[in-house]
Amino acid sequence: MEPVRSPSRLDGRTARLTALVIALSALALMLWLGREDVGFVRAGVSMVTGEDPAKAASTGNPELDACLAQRVGDVDKLLAEGMIKESQYQAFKRRASSYCETQFPVAR
């Protein structure tokens, strides 16, 4: 006969509830970190804060602001004309932003 084993502490309600809390916290963290890249998260954050998601905040550097407006505007135009796919948009936008930030760094 096999020996009778007592249930593990990891099989209890407390352990399962703790695992659920950890999983939900990890999901919330992933959504928060990706809030700029994930459309429905960006829309949700804008609903909560009441800010327009399309409105870009000023960086304090007018040259950088002008460059970003021009380059990101060009990327938006490429998307509207069908030259790039929606899946490529974020990568192109990041590259344009990176280019402008390299040319006109923000003084910190």
N, C-alpha and C. Protein backbone atom coordinates (compact mmCIF):
# COMPACT_ATOMS: atom_id res chain seq x y z
N MET A 1 0.82 -1.17 0.00
CA MET A 1 0.00 0.00 0.00
C MET A 1 0.88 1.25 0.00
N GLU A 2 0.33 2.26 -0.64
CA GLU A 2 1.05 3.52 -0.70
C GLU A 2 0.79 4.31 0.58
N PRO A 3 1.82 5.06 1.01
CA PRO A 3 1.61 5.88 2.21
C PRO A 3 0.67 7.05 1.89
N VAL A 4 -0.11 7.45 2.84
CA VAL A 4 -1.05 8.56 2.68
C VAL A 4 -0.25 9.86 2.82
N ARG A 5 -0.38 10.71 1.80
CA ARG A 5 0.34 11.97 1.82
C ARG A 5 -0.60 13.09 2.20
N SER A 6 -0.09 13.98 3.02
CA SER A 6 -0.91 15.13 3.41
C SER A 6 -0.87 16.16 2.29
N PRO A 7 -1.93 16.92 2.14
CA PRO A 7 -1.95 17.92 1.07
C PRO A 7 -0.87 18.99 1.29
N SER A 8 -0.34 19.44 0.20
CA SER A 8 0.69 20.47 0.24
C SER A 8 0.08 21.83 0.52
N ARG A 9 0.89 22.74 1.07
CA ARG A 9 0.41 24.11 1.29
C ARG A 9 0.16 24.80 -0.04
N LEU A 10 0.81 24.32 -1.10
CA LEU A 10 0.66 24.94 -2.40
C LEU A 10 -0.65 24.56 -3.09
N ASP A 11 -1.41 23.66 -2.50
CA ASP A 11 -2.69 23.26 -3.07
C ASP A 11 -3.87 24.01 -2.46
N GLY A 12 -3.62 24.87 -1.51
CA GLY A 12 -4.69 25.54 -0.78
C GLY A 12 -5.21 26.78 -1.48
N ARG A 13 -6.30 27.30 -0.90
CA ARG A 13 -6.93 28.50 -1.44
C ARG A 13 -6.01 29.72 -1.39
N THR A 14 -5.28 29.84 -0.32
CA THR A 14 -4.39 30.99 -0.15
C THR A 14 -3.33 31.01 -1.24
N ALA A 15 -2.77 29.87 -1.56
CA ALA A 15 -1.74 29.80 -2.59
C ALA A 15 -2.33 30.13 -3.96
N ARG A 16 -3.50 29.66 -4.23
CA ARG A 16 -4.14 29.95 -5.52
C ARG A 16 -4.51 31.43 -5.63
N LEU A 17 -4.99 32.00 -4.56
CA LEU A 17 -5.33 33.42 -4.55
C LEU A 17 -4.07 34.27 -4.73
N THR A 18 -2.99 33.87 -4.07
CA THR A 18 -1.72 34.58 -4.23
C THR A 18 -1.22 34.50 -5.67
N ALA A 19 -1.33 33.34 -6.28
CA ALA A 19 -0.92 33.18 -7.67
C ALA A 19 -1.76 34.05 -8.60
N LEU A 20 -3.05 34.14 -8.34
CA LEU A 20 -3.94 34.98 -9.14
C LEU A 20 -3.57 36.46 -9.00
N VAL A 21 -3.29 36.89 -7.79
CA VAL A 21 -2.90 38.28 -7.55
C VAL A 21 -1.59 38.59 -8.28
N ILE A 22 -0.64 37.69 -8.23
CA ILE A 22 0.64 37.88 -8.92
C ILE A 22 0.42 37.96 -10.43
N ALA A 23 -0.39 37.08 -10.96
CA ALA A 23 -0.66 37.08 -12.41
C ALA A 23 -1.35 38.36 -12.85
N LEU A 24 -2.33 38.82 -12.09
CA LEU A 24 -3.03 40.06 -12.43
C LEU A 24 -2.11 41.27 -12.30
N SER A 25 -1.23 41.25 -11.31
CA SER A 25 -0.26 42.34 -11.16
C SER A 25 0.71 42.36 -12.34
N ALA A 26 1.16 41.21 -12.78
CA ALA A 26 2.06 41.14 -13.92
C ALA A 26 1.36 41.64 -15.19
N LEU A 27 0.11 41.27 -15.37
CA LEU A 27 -0.67 41.75 -16.52
C LEU A 27 -0.82 43.27 -16.48
N ALA A 28 -1.14 43.79 -15.31
CA ALA A 28 -1.29 45.24 -15.17
C ALA A 28 0.03 45.96 -15.46
N LEU A 29 1.13 45.41 -15.01
CA LEU A 29 2.44 46.01 -15.28
C LEU A 29 2.76 45.98 -16.77
N MET A 30 2.47 44.87 -17.43
CA MET A 30 2.73 44.78 -18.87
C MET A 30 1.90 45.81 -19.63
N LEU A 31 0.64 45.96 -19.26
CA LEU A 31 -0.22 46.93 -19.93
C LEU A 31 0.26 48.36 -19.67
N TRP A 32 0.70 48.64 -18.45
CA TRP A 32 1.17 49.97 -18.13
C TRP A 32 2.45 50.29 -18.90
N LEU A 33 3.37 49.35 -18.97
CA LEU A 33 4.62 49.58 -19.67
C LEU A 33 4.40 49.72 -21.18
N GLY A 34 3.39 49.07 -21.71
CA GLY A 34 3.11 49.13 -23.14
C GLY A 34 2.02 50.10 -23.50
N ARG A 35 1.71 51.02 -22.60
CA ARG A 35 0.57 51.92 -22.81
C ARG A 35 0.71 52.80 -24.04
N GLU A 36 1.92 53.10 -24.47
CA GLU A 36 2.12 53.91 -25.66
C GLU A 36 2.05 53.09 -26.94
N ASP A 37 2.31 51.80 -26.85
CA ASP A 37 2.37 50.95 -28.03
C ASP A 37 1.09 50.17 -28.31
N VAL A 38 0.27 50.00 -27.30
CA VAL A 38 -0.95 49.21 -27.45
C VAL A 38 -2.13 50.17 -27.54
N GLY A 39 -2.83 50.13 -28.68
CA GLY A 39 -3.89 51.09 -28.95
C GLY A 39 -4.99 51.13 -27.92
N PHE A 40 -5.50 49.98 -27.52
CA PHE A 40 -6.64 50.00 -26.59
C PHE A 40 -6.21 50.45 -25.20
N VAL A 41 -4.94 50.22 -24.84
CA VAL A 41 -4.44 50.71 -23.55
C VAL A 41 -4.29 52.23 -23.61
N ARG A 42 -3.75 52.73 -24.73
CA ARG A 42 -3.58 54.18 -24.90
C ARG A 42 -4.95 54.85 -24.84
N ALA A 43 -5.95 54.25 -25.47
CA ALA A 43 -7.30 54.83 -25.45
C ALA A 43 -7.88 54.79 -24.03
N GLY A 44 -7.65 53.70 -23.32
CA GLY A 44 -8.14 53.59 -21.94
C GLY A 44 -7.50 54.61 -21.02
N VAL A 45 -6.18 54.80 -21.16
CA VAL A 45 -5.49 55.79 -20.34
C VAL A 45 -5.99 57.19 -20.66
N SER A 46 -6.24 57.47 -21.94
CA SER A 46 -6.74 58.79 -22.30
C SER A 46 -8.16 59.02 -21.77
N MET A 47 -8.97 57.96 -21.69
CA MET A 47 -10.32 58.11 -21.13
C MET A 47 -10.24 58.42 -19.64
N VAL A 48 -9.33 57.76 -18.93
CA VAL A 48 -9.20 57.97 -17.49
C VAL A 48 -8.64 59.35 -17.19
N THR A 49 -7.61 59.76 -17.94
CA THR A 49 -6.97 61.05 -17.68
C THR A 49 -7.69 62.22 -18.33
N GLY A 50 -8.49 61.95 -19.35
CA GLY A 50 -9.20 63.01 -20.04
C GLY A 50 -8.36 63.75 -21.05
N GLU A 51 -7.14 63.25 -21.33
CA GLU A 51 -6.26 63.91 -22.30
C GLU A 51 -6.47 63.33 -23.68
N ASP A 52 -6.22 64.14 -24.69
CA ASP A 52 -6.29 63.71 -26.07
C ASP A 52 -5.04 62.89 -26.39
N PRO A 53 -5.17 61.61 -26.78
CA PRO A 53 -3.98 60.81 -27.04
C PRO A 53 -3.18 61.28 -28.24
N ALA A 54 -3.80 62.00 -29.15
CA ALA A 54 -3.08 62.47 -30.33
C ALA A 54 -2.27 63.73 -30.04
N LYS A 55 -2.60 64.40 -28.94
CA LYS A 55 -1.91 65.64 -28.61
C LYS A 55 -0.53 65.32 -28.05
N ALA A 56 0.50 65.83 -28.71
CA ALA A 56 1.86 65.60 -28.26
C ALA A 56 2.25 66.67 -27.25
N ALA A 57 2.89 66.24 -26.19
CA ALA A 57 3.36 67.18 -25.19
C ALA A 57 4.64 67.85 -25.68
N SER A 58 4.80 69.10 -25.31
CA SER A 58 6.00 69.83 -25.70
C SER A 58 7.19 69.30 -24.93
N THR A 59 8.31 69.20 -25.61
CA THR A 59 9.54 68.71 -24.98
C THR A 59 10.32 69.83 -24.34
N GLY A 60 9.97 71.06 -24.62
CA GLY A 60 10.72 72.19 -24.10
C GLY A 60 11.82 72.64 -25.05
N ASN A 61 12.03 71.91 -26.12
CA ASN A 61 13.02 72.25 -27.13
C ASN A 61 12.27 72.50 -28.44
N PRO A 62 12.16 73.76 -28.87
CA PRO A 62 11.35 74.04 -30.06
C PRO A 62 11.87 73.37 -31.33
N GLU A 63 13.20 73.21 -31.43
CA GLU A 63 13.74 72.53 -32.62
C GLU A 63 13.33 71.06 -32.64
N LEU A 64 13.38 70.43 -31.46
CA LEU A 64 12.97 69.03 -31.36
C LEU A 64 11.49 68.90 -31.64
N ASP A 65 10.67 69.81 -31.11
CA ASP A 65 9.23 69.76 -31.36
C ASP A 65 8.92 69.88 -32.86
N ALA A 66 9.62 70.79 -33.53
CA ALA A 66 9.41 70.98 -34.97
C ALA A 66 9.84 69.74 -35.75
N CYS A 67 10.98 69.16 -35.37
CA CYS A 67 11.46 67.95 -36.05
C CYS A 67 10.48 66.80 -35.86
N LEU A 68 10.01 66.62 -34.61
CA LEU A 68 9.05 65.54 -34.33
C LEU A 68 7.77 65.75 -35.12
N ALA A 69 7.29 66.98 -35.17
CA ALA A 69 6.05 67.26 -35.92
C ALA A 69 6.25 66.91 -37.39
N GLN A 70 7.38 67.28 -37.95
CA GLN A 70 7.66 67.01 -39.36
C GLN A 70 7.82 65.52 -39.62
N ARG A 71 8.70 64.87 -38.87
CA ARG A 71 9.02 63.46 -39.13
C ARG A 71 7.84 62.54 -38.83
N VAL A 72 7.21 62.75 -37.69
CA VAL A 72 6.06 61.90 -37.34
C VAL A 72 4.91 62.19 -38.30
N GLY A 73 4.78 63.43 -38.72
CA GLY A 73 3.77 63.77 -39.73
C GLY A 73 4.02 63.05 -41.04
N ASP A 74 5.31 62.94 -41.41
CA ASP A 74 5.65 62.19 -42.63
C ASP A 74 5.28 60.72 -42.49
N VAL A 75 5.52 60.16 -41.31
CA VAL A 75 5.18 58.75 -41.08
C VAL A 75 3.66 58.57 -41.12
N ASP A 76 2.93 59.50 -40.52
CA ASP A 76 1.47 59.45 -40.57
C ASP A 76 0.97 59.51 -42.01
N LYS A 77 1.61 60.35 -42.81
CA LYS A 77 1.23 60.48 -44.21
C LYS A 77 1.50 59.18 -44.98
N LEU A 78 2.65 58.54 -44.69
CA LEU A 78 2.97 57.25 -45.33
C LEU A 78 1.90 56.21 -45.00
N LEU A 79 1.45 56.20 -43.75
CA LEU A 79 0.41 55.26 -43.34
C LEU A 79 -0.90 55.57 -44.05
N ALA A 80 -1.26 56.85 -44.11
CA ALA A 80 -2.52 57.24 -44.75
C ALA A 80 -2.52 56.92 -46.25
N GLU A 81 -1.35 57.03 -46.89
CA GLU A 81 -1.25 56.74 -48.32
C GLU A 81 -1.09 55.26 -48.62
N GLY A 82 -0.96 54.46 -47.58
CA GLY A 82 -0.81 53.02 -47.78
C GLY A 82 0.60 52.59 -48.13
N MET A 83 1.57 53.44 -47.94
CA MET A 83 2.96 53.11 -48.25
C MET A 83 3.55 52.17 -47.20
N ILE A 84 3.05 52.26 -45.96
CA ILE A 84 3.47 51.34 -44.91
C ILE A 84 2.23 50.71 -44.29
N LYS A 85 2.42 49.56 -43.67
CA LYS A 85 1.31 48.86 -43.03
C LYS A 85 1.16 49.33 -41.59
N GLU A 86 0.00 49.07 -41.04
CA GLU A 86 -0.27 49.43 -39.65
C GLU A 86 0.75 48.76 -38.72
N SER A 87 1.14 47.54 -39.06
CA SER A 87 2.11 46.82 -38.23
C SER A 87 3.49 47.46 -38.26
N GLN A 88 3.79 48.23 -39.29
CA GLN A 88 5.09 48.90 -39.41
C GLN A 88 5.08 50.30 -38.80
N TYR A 89 3.91 50.83 -38.56
CA TYR A 89 3.78 52.23 -38.14
C TYR A 89 4.57 52.56 -36.88
N GLN A 90 4.42 51.76 -35.83
CA GLN A 90 5.11 52.07 -34.57
C GLN A 90 6.62 52.06 -34.73
N ALA A 91 7.14 51.11 -35.51
CA ALA A 91 8.59 51.05 -35.72
C ALA A 91 9.08 52.29 -36.47
N PHE A 92 8.36 52.70 -37.50
CA PHE A 92 8.73 53.90 -38.24
C PHE A 92 8.64 55.14 -37.36
N LYS A 93 7.61 55.20 -36.54
CA LYS A 93 7.43 56.34 -35.66
C LYS A 93 8.56 56.41 -34.62
N ARG A 94 8.93 55.25 -34.07
CA ARG A 94 10.04 55.22 -33.11
C ARG A 94 11.35 55.66 -33.76
N ARG A 95 11.59 55.21 -34.98
CA ARG A 95 12.81 55.62 -35.68
C ARG A 95 12.83 57.12 -35.95
N ALA A 96 11.70 57.66 -36.34
CA ALA A 96 11.63 59.11 -36.58
C ALA A 96 11.88 59.88 -35.29
N SER A 97 11.28 59.44 -34.21
CA SER A 97 11.49 60.09 -32.91
C SER A 97 12.93 59.98 -32.47
N SER A 98 13.51 58.82 -32.64
CA SER A 98 14.91 58.61 -32.27
C SER A 98 15.83 59.52 -33.07
N TYR A 99 15.55 59.64 -34.37
CA TYR A 99 16.35 60.51 -35.23
C TYR A 99 16.31 61.95 -34.71
N CYS A 100 15.11 62.44 -34.43
CA CYS A 100 14.96 63.82 -33.96
C CYS A 100 15.63 64.02 -32.60
N GLU A 101 15.48 63.06 -31.70
CA GLU A 101 16.09 63.18 -30.38
C GLU A 101 17.61 63.14 -30.46
N THR A 102 18.15 62.45 -31.47
CA THR A 102 19.59 62.44 -31.67
C THR A 102 20.07 63.78 -32.21
N GLN A 103 19.32 64.37 -33.12
CA GLN A 103 19.70 65.65 -33.72
C GLN A 103 19.54 66.82 -32.75
N PHE A 104 18.47 66.77 -31.96
CA PHE A 104 18.15 67.88 -31.04
C PHE A 104 17.87 67.32 -29.64
N PRO A 105 18.91 66.97 -28.89
CA PRO A 105 18.69 66.36 -27.57
C PRO A 105 17.97 67.31 -26.61
N VAL A 106 17.20 66.71 -25.73
CA VAL A 106 16.49 67.47 -24.70
C VAL A 106 17.45 67.74 -23.56
N ALA A 107 17.58 68.98 -23.15
CA ALA A 107 18.44 69.32 -22.01
C ALA A 107 17.75 68.86 -20.73
N ARG A 108 18.44 68.10 -19.95
CA ARG A 108 17.86 67.57 -18.69
C ARG A 108 18.53 68.20 -17.51
